[in-house]
Amino acid sequence: MSSPDGSPPEPGQVLDWVLTWVRSLGEVLSQIAGTPFAVESTQNGPPDSLPPMATDVHAIANAAGSLRGEMSWRLPQTAVAMLAQLFLSETQDPNAELKPDYREAVEELLRQVAGHAATAMKPRWGEVQLHIATGAAPSWPPGETGWIVSGASAPIQFWLEWQVSAALGAALRAAEAPSTRPGNAAPPASASEPAAAALEGAGKLDLLMDVELDVTLRFGGRNMRLSEILELGPGSVIELDRNVEEPADLLLDGKLIARGEVVVVDGNYGLRVLEVIAAPPLAPH
């Protein structure tokens, strides 16, 4: 696992978050395979790892509640095929065609993993809601990256690349207060200390104020088959799912935060905000 500057992360924080997913993935795969299934986290990709390709499947986990942000997985076609075949109890064929039901099987597999992960996260991070969806590669810049691979003794061999958004990384670091780390007991709270608790919460929020996040303007979207993408060329027209009179979306790290009308400001595109999307309330700790 590495950070944008190449330095390893501190113990805890993102590392513990990733290991929670690793353990959950191993538990779910063990249940499906009916035998122990070793899964490991590694900083470096496998020697035969392939660069991003059009046949890769991307899955995004959106975290809400006590932690907010995104985590993504990039699964090569062979990993999708083998995991889907295991999930569907089919004969293993890593070179099998990437069928739609394979994508659906992998998405359902990751949803089950997310359920296990959310339960495992609760003692440390509180109520975290995890929503899984497959689609395009993430548009947000990764805060940290790494790989998850099957162990040498696993029934099948696969690897996948993960990325944690800068927003989620910042939220994890803010949640990693000294009093919550192993070996440090938190001081007892009393009903007479509401002001101190409020100041503590404000201090954690201040840690995030200087974090730079990318915002994206979205005019619309469309699901396309791989064959349609391969046929694209100069002059191709892609019809989106939105009328020209409808407002455009403003996304923060892939999450919808506002809608408005597109304007031109000094020769550049801009957005006149018409509606701000209210965020759901944080789950109580």
Protein backbone atom coordinates (compact mmCIF):
# COMPACT_ATOMS: atom_id res chain seq x y z
CA MET A 1 0.00 0.00 0.00
CA SER A 2 1.40 3.39 -0.90
CA SER A 3 0.57 7.08 -0.66
CA PRO A 4 0.84 9.65 -3.50
CA ASP A 5 4.26 10.75 -2.19
CA GLY A 6 5.48 7.15 -2.07
CA SER A 7 5.69 7.00 1.73
CA PRO A 8 4.11 4.05 3.56
CA PRO A 9 1.00 4.83 5.63
CA GLU A 10 1.14 4.99 9.39
CA PRO A 11 -0.05 1.93 11.33
CA GLY A 12 -3.83 1.95 11.61
CA GLN A 13 -5.84 4.38 9.52
CA VAL A 14 -6.23 3.19 5.93
CA LEU A 15 -4.25 0.00 6.55
CA ASP A 16 -6.76 -1.27 9.11
CA TRP A 17 -9.63 -0.28 6.81
CA VAL A 18 -8.15 -2.33 3.95
CA LEU A 19 -7.36 -5.30 6.18
CA THR A 20 -10.99 -5.31 7.32
CA TRP A 21 -12.02 -5.77 3.67
CA VAL A 22 -9.32 -8.44 3.16
CA ARG A 23 -10.56 -10.50 6.13
CA SER A 24 -14.18 -10.09 5.05
CA LEU A 25 -13.39 -11.18 1.50
CA GLY A 26 -11.59 -14.25 2.81
CA GLU A 27 -14.54 -15.14 5.06
CA VAL A 28 -17.10 -14.86 2.27
CA LEU A 29 -14.96 -16.80 -0.23
CA SER A 30 -14.36 -19.51 2.39
CA GLN A 31 -18.12 -19.89 2.84
CA ILE A 32 -18.69 -20.08 -0.91
CA ALA A 33 -15.81 -22.48 -1.61
CA GLY A 34 -16.54 -24.63 1.45
CA THR A 35 -12.85 -24.58 2.38
CA PRO A 36 -10.42 -22.06 3.93
CA PHE A 37 -9.63 -19.33 1.41
CA ALA A 38 -6.54 -17.24 2.12
CA VAL A 39 -6.61 -13.61 0.95
CA GLU A 40 -3.74 -11.18 1.48
CA SER A 41 -2.94 -7.48 1.10
CA THR A 42 0.28 -6.50 -0.63
CA GLN A 43 2.00 -3.23 -1.44
CA ASN A 44 3.32 -4.38 -4.81
CA GLY A 45 1.26 -5.89 -7.58
CA PRO A 46 1.90 -9.45 -8.81
CA PRO A 47 4.82 -9.82 -11.26
CA ASP A 48 2.44 -10.66 -14.13
CA SER A 49 -0.05 -7.87 -13.34
CA LEU A 50 -1.53 -6.20 -16.38
CA PRO A 51 -2.00 -2.46 -16.94
CA PRO A 52 -5.57 -1.11 -16.96
CA MET A 53 -7.55 -2.53 -19.89
CA ALA A 54 -11.00 -1.95 -21.36
CA THR A 55 -12.10 -5.42 -20.18
CA ASP A 56 -11.38 -4.62 -16.52
CA VAL A 57 -14.35 -4.41 -14.19
CA HIS A 58 -14.42 -1.50 -11.74
CA ALA A 59 -16.41 -1.65 -8.52
CA ILE A 60 -16.98 1.31 -6.21
CA ALA A 61 -17.85 1.14 -2.51
CA ASN A 62 -19.44 4.38 -1.31
CA ALA A 63 -19.16 4.81 2.46
CA ALA A 64 -21.73 6.86 4.36
CA GLY A 65 -22.59 7.31 8.01
CA SER A 66 -19.74 7.69 10.48
CA LEU A 67 -17.20 7.61 7.60
CA ARG A 68 -17.64 9.14 4.15
CA GLY A 69 -15.71 8.57 0.97
CA GLU A 70 -15.06 5.97 -1.71
CA MET A 71 -13.00 2.87 -2.27
CA SER A 72 -12.64 1.22 -5.67
CA TRP A 73 -11.48 -2.14 -7.01
CA ARG A 74 -10.09 -2.90 -10.45
CA LEU A 75 -10.63 -6.54 -11.40
CA PRO A 76 -9.00 -7.94 -14.55
CA GLN A 77 -11.17 -10.10 -16.79
CA THR A 78 -9.55 -13.32 -15.53
CA ALA A 79 -10.28 -12.39 -11.89
CA VAL A 80 -13.90 -11.57 -12.74
CA ALA A 81 -14.35 -14.87 -14.57
CA MET A 82 -12.82 -17.00 -11.80
CA LEU A 83 -14.59 -15.27 -8.92
CA ALA A 84 -17.92 -15.36 -10.78
CA GLN A 85 -17.48 -19.05 -11.66
CA LEU A 86 -16.73 -19.83 -8.01
CA PHE A 87 -19.77 -17.82 -6.91
CA LEU A 88 -22.02 -19.54 -9.50
CA SER A 89 -20.52 -23.02 -8.89
CA GLU A 90 -19.30 -23.27 -12.49
CA THR A 91 -16.21 -25.03 -13.84
CA GLN A 92 -13.15 -22.81 -13.60
CA ASP A 93 -12.07 -21.29 -16.92
CA PRO A 94 -9.95 -18.11 -16.58
CA ASN A 95 -10.22 -17.47 -20.32
CA ALA A 96 -14.02 -17.54 -20.38
CA GLU A 97 -15.91 -14.73 -22.09
CA LEU A 98 -16.93 -11.90 -19.77
CA LYS A 99 -20.68 -12.50 -19.66
CA PRO A 100 -23.16 -10.03 -18.09
CA ASP A 101 -24.08 -12.52 -15.38
CA TYR A 102 -20.40 -12.68 -14.39
CA ARG A 103 -20.43 -8.95 -13.66
CA GLU A 104 -23.64 -9.36 -11.67
CA ALA A 105 -22.17 -12.28 -9.73
CA VAL A 106 -19.04 -10.31 -8.80
CA GLU A 107 -21.15 -7.31 -7.77
CA GLU A 108 -23.29 -9.53 -5.53
CA LEU A 109 -20.14 -11.13 -4.10
CA LEU A 110 -18.77 -7.70 -3.18
CA ARG A 111 -22.12 -6.74 -1.63
CA GLN A 112 -21.85 -9.75 0.66
CA VAL A 113 -18.27 -8.81 1.49
CA ALA A 114 -19.43 -5.24 2.25
CA GLY A 115 -22.02 -6.61 4.68
CA HIS A 116 -19.33 -8.51 6.58
CA ALA A 117 -16.99 -5.51 6.47
CA ALA A 118 -19.61 -3.08 7.82
CA THR A 119 -20.24 -5.38 10.79
CA ALA A 120 -16.51 -5.71 11.47
CA MET A 121 -16.02 -1.92 11.23
CA LYS A 122 -18.71 -1.04 13.78
CA PRO A 123 -16.66 -1.50 16.99
CA ARG A 124 -13.96 0.85 15.71
CA TRP A 125 -15.68 3.32 13.38
CA GLY A 126 -19.35 3.09 14.33
CA GLU A 127 -22.18 2.66 11.84
CA VAL A 128 -20.75 2.67 8.31
CA GLN A 129 -23.12 2.13 5.37
CA LEU A 130 -21.39 0.60 2.34
CA HIS A 131 -23.03 0.69 -1.11
CA ILE A 132 -21.48 -1.34 -3.96
CA ALA A 133 -21.88 -0.64 -7.68
CA THR A 134 -19.92 -1.63 -10.77
CA GLY A 135 -19.31 0.79 -13.61
CA ALA A 136 -16.68 3.10 -15.00
CA ALA A 137 -13.28 3.68 -13.44
CA PRO A 138 -13.38 6.26 -10.61
CA SER A 139 -13.00 9.89 -11.63
CA TRP A 140 -11.54 10.95 -8.28
CA PRO A 141 -7.77 10.88 -7.65
CA PRO A 142 -6.65 8.05 -5.34
CA GLY A 143 -5.30 8.90 -1.91
CA GLU A 144 -3.68 5.47 -1.44
CA THR A 145 -3.49 2.32 -3.55
CA GLY A 146 -2.54 -1.32 -3.18
CA TRP A 147 -3.42 -4.87 -4.15
CA ILE A 148 -5.39 -7.79 -2.75
CA VAL A 149 -4.28 -11.25 -3.86
CA SER A 150 -5.34 -14.82 -3.16
CA GLY A 151 -2.98 -16.87 -1.00
CA ALA A 152 -0.86 -19.65 -2.46
CA SER A 153 -3.14 -22.29 -0.91
CA ALA A 154 -6.39 -20.70 -2.15
CA PRO A 155 -8.64 -22.81 -4.43
CA ILE A 156 -8.28 -20.20 -7.19
CA GLN A 157 -5.67 -17.56 -7.90
CA PHE A 158 -6.64 -13.93 -8.55
CA TRP A 159 -5.58 -10.38 -7.78
CA LEU A 160 -7.30 -7.02 -7.75
CA GLU A 161 -6.13 -3.44 -7.32
CA TRP A 162 -7.78 -1.13 -4.79
CA GLN A 163 -7.84 2.64 -4.39
CA VAL A 164 -9.02 4.76 -1.47
CA SER A 165 -10.19 8.30 -2.22
CA ALA A 166 -8.52 11.26 -0.55
CA ALA A 167 -11.80 12.06 1.21
CA LEU A 168 -12.05 8.62 2.81
CA GLY A 169 -8.38 8.63 3.74
CA ALA A 170 -8.80 11.99 5.48
CA ALA A 171 -11.90 10.76 7.31
CA LEU A 172 -10.06 7.65 8.53
CA ARG A 173 -7.13 9.73 9.79
CA ALA A 174 -9.46 12.15 11.54
CA ALA A 175 -11.23 9.22 13.22
CA GLU A 176 -7.90 7.80 14.40
CA ALA A 177 -7.71 9.97 17.55
CA PRO A 178 -5.09 8.92 20.13
CA SER A 179 -7.78 7.88 22.61
CA THR A 180 -9.21 5.33 20.16
CA ARG A 181 -5.93 3.55 19.29
CA PRO A 182 -5.22 0.17 20.90
CA GLY A 183 -3.51 0.47 24.27
CA ASN A 184 -4.94 3.94 25.00
CA ALA A 185 -8.06 4.07 27.12
CA ALA A 186 -10.47 6.87 26.35
CA PRO A 187 -11.21 9.18 29.29
CA PRO A 188 -14.71 8.71 30.72
CA ALA A 189 -17.30 11.18 29.47
CA SER A 190 -19.95 12.73 31.66
CA ALA A 191 -23.23 14.49 30.99
CA SER A 192 -21.67 17.70 32.32
CA GLU A 193 -19.19 17.90 29.43
CA PRO A 194 -21.29 18.65 26.30
CA ALA A 195 -19.26 21.75 25.44
CA ALA A 196 -15.97 19.83 25.57
CA ALA A 197 -17.43 17.12 23.34
CA ALA A 198 -18.60 19.75 20.84
CA LEU A 199 -15.16 21.34 20.77
CA GLU A 200 -13.55 17.96 20.21
CA GLY A 201 -15.88 17.33 17.25
CA ALA A 202 -15.10 20.76 15.81
CA GLY A 203 -11.39 20.07 16.13
CA LYS A 204 -11.72 16.88 14.11
CA LEU A 205 -13.66 18.75 11.45
CA ASP A 206 -10.92 21.38 11.25
CA LEU A 207 -8.49 18.62 10.26
CA LEU A 208 -10.44 18.20 7.00
CA MET A 209 -10.84 21.85 6.04
CA ASP A 210 -7.58 22.04 4.05
CA VAL A 211 -8.10 18.77 2.18
CA GLU A 212 -8.29 19.43 -1.58
CA LEU A 213 -11.02 17.47 -3.40
CA ASP A 214 -11.88 17.33 -7.10
CA VAL A 215 -15.34 18.36 -8.23
CA THR A 216 -16.79 17.16 -11.53
CA LEU A 217 -19.56 18.55 -13.71
CA ARG A 218 -21.78 15.79 -15.13
CA PHE A 219 -24.13 16.47 -18.02
CA GLY A 220 -25.55 12.97 -18.11
CA GLY A 221 -24.61 9.33 -18.47
CA ARG A 222 -25.30 6.15 -20.36
CA ASN A 223 -24.51 2.45 -20.04
CA MET A 224 -22.64 1.15 -23.08
CA ARG A 225 -21.64 -2.34 -24.14
CA LEU A 226 -17.96 -3.03 -24.73
CA SER A 227 -18.68 -3.58 -28.44
CA GLU A 228 -20.19 -0.08 -28.66
CA ILE A 229 -17.13 1.47 -26.98
CA LEU A 230 -14.78 -0.29 -29.38
CA GLU A 231 -16.74 1.13 -32.31
CA LEU A 232 -16.24 4.74 -31.18
CA GLY A 233 -14.27 7.02 -33.48
CA PRO A 234 -14.03 10.63 -34.63
CA GLY A 235 -17.52 11.89 -35.40
CA SER A 236 -19.30 9.36 -33.17
CA VAL A 237 -22.27 10.76 -31.24
CA ILE A 238 -23.19 9.37 -27.82
CA GLU A 239 -26.72 10.10 -26.66
CA LEU A 240 -26.95 10.76 -22.91
CA ASP A 241 -29.88 10.09 -20.61
CA ARG A 242 -30.61 13.76 -19.92
CA ASN A 243 -32.56 16.49 -21.71
CA VAL A 244 -30.63 19.66 -22.61
CA GLU A 245 -33.03 21.69 -20.46
CA GLU A 246 -32.38 19.64 -17.33
CA PRO A 247 -29.81 20.89 -14.78
CA ALA A 248 -26.31 19.44 -14.71
CA ASP A 249 -24.89 17.62 -11.66
CA LEU A 250 -21.96 18.74 -9.52
CA LEU A 251 -20.10 15.77 -8.03
CA LEU A 252 -17.64 15.74 -5.14
CA ASP A 253 -15.50 12.58 -5.22
CA GLY A 254 -18.29 10.89 -7.16
CA LYS A 255 -21.11 12.03 -4.84
CA LEU A 256 -23.87 14.39 -5.97
CA ILE A 257 -23.70 17.63 -3.97
CA ALA A 258 -25.53 20.19 -6.15
CA ARG A 259 -27.41 20.80 -9.42
CA GLY A 260 -27.43 23.86 -11.62
CA GLU A 261 -27.31 25.39 -15.07
CA VAL A 262 -24.17 25.51 -17.19
CA VAL A 263 -22.76 28.99 -17.85
CA VAL A 264 -19.65 30.43 -19.49
CA VAL A 265 -17.27 32.46 -17.29
CA ASP A 266 -14.30 34.17 -18.99
CA GLY A 267 -14.31 31.59 -21.74
CA ASN A 268 -14.53 28.63 -19.34
CA TYR A 269 -17.46 26.44 -18.41
CA GLY A 270 -19.06 27.14 -15.07
CA LEU A 271 -22.12 26.12 -13.06
CA ARG A 272 -24.76 28.41 -11.57
CA VAL A 273 -25.97 26.43 -8.57
CA LEU A 274 -29.74 26.07 -8.41
CA GLU A 275 -30.03 23.36 -5.78
CA VAL A 276 -27.73 22.07 -3.03
CA ILE A 277 -28.28 18.41 -2.16
CA ALA A 278 -28.64 17.92 1.57
CA ALA A 279 -26.33 15.24 2.98
CA PRO A 280 -27.91 12.47 5.09
CA PRO A 281 -27.35 12.89 8.84
CA LEU A 282 -24.36 11.15 10.39
CA ALA A 283 -25.10 7.98 12.27
CA PRO A 284 -24.83 8.40 16.06
CA HIS A 285 -21.69 7.02 17.69
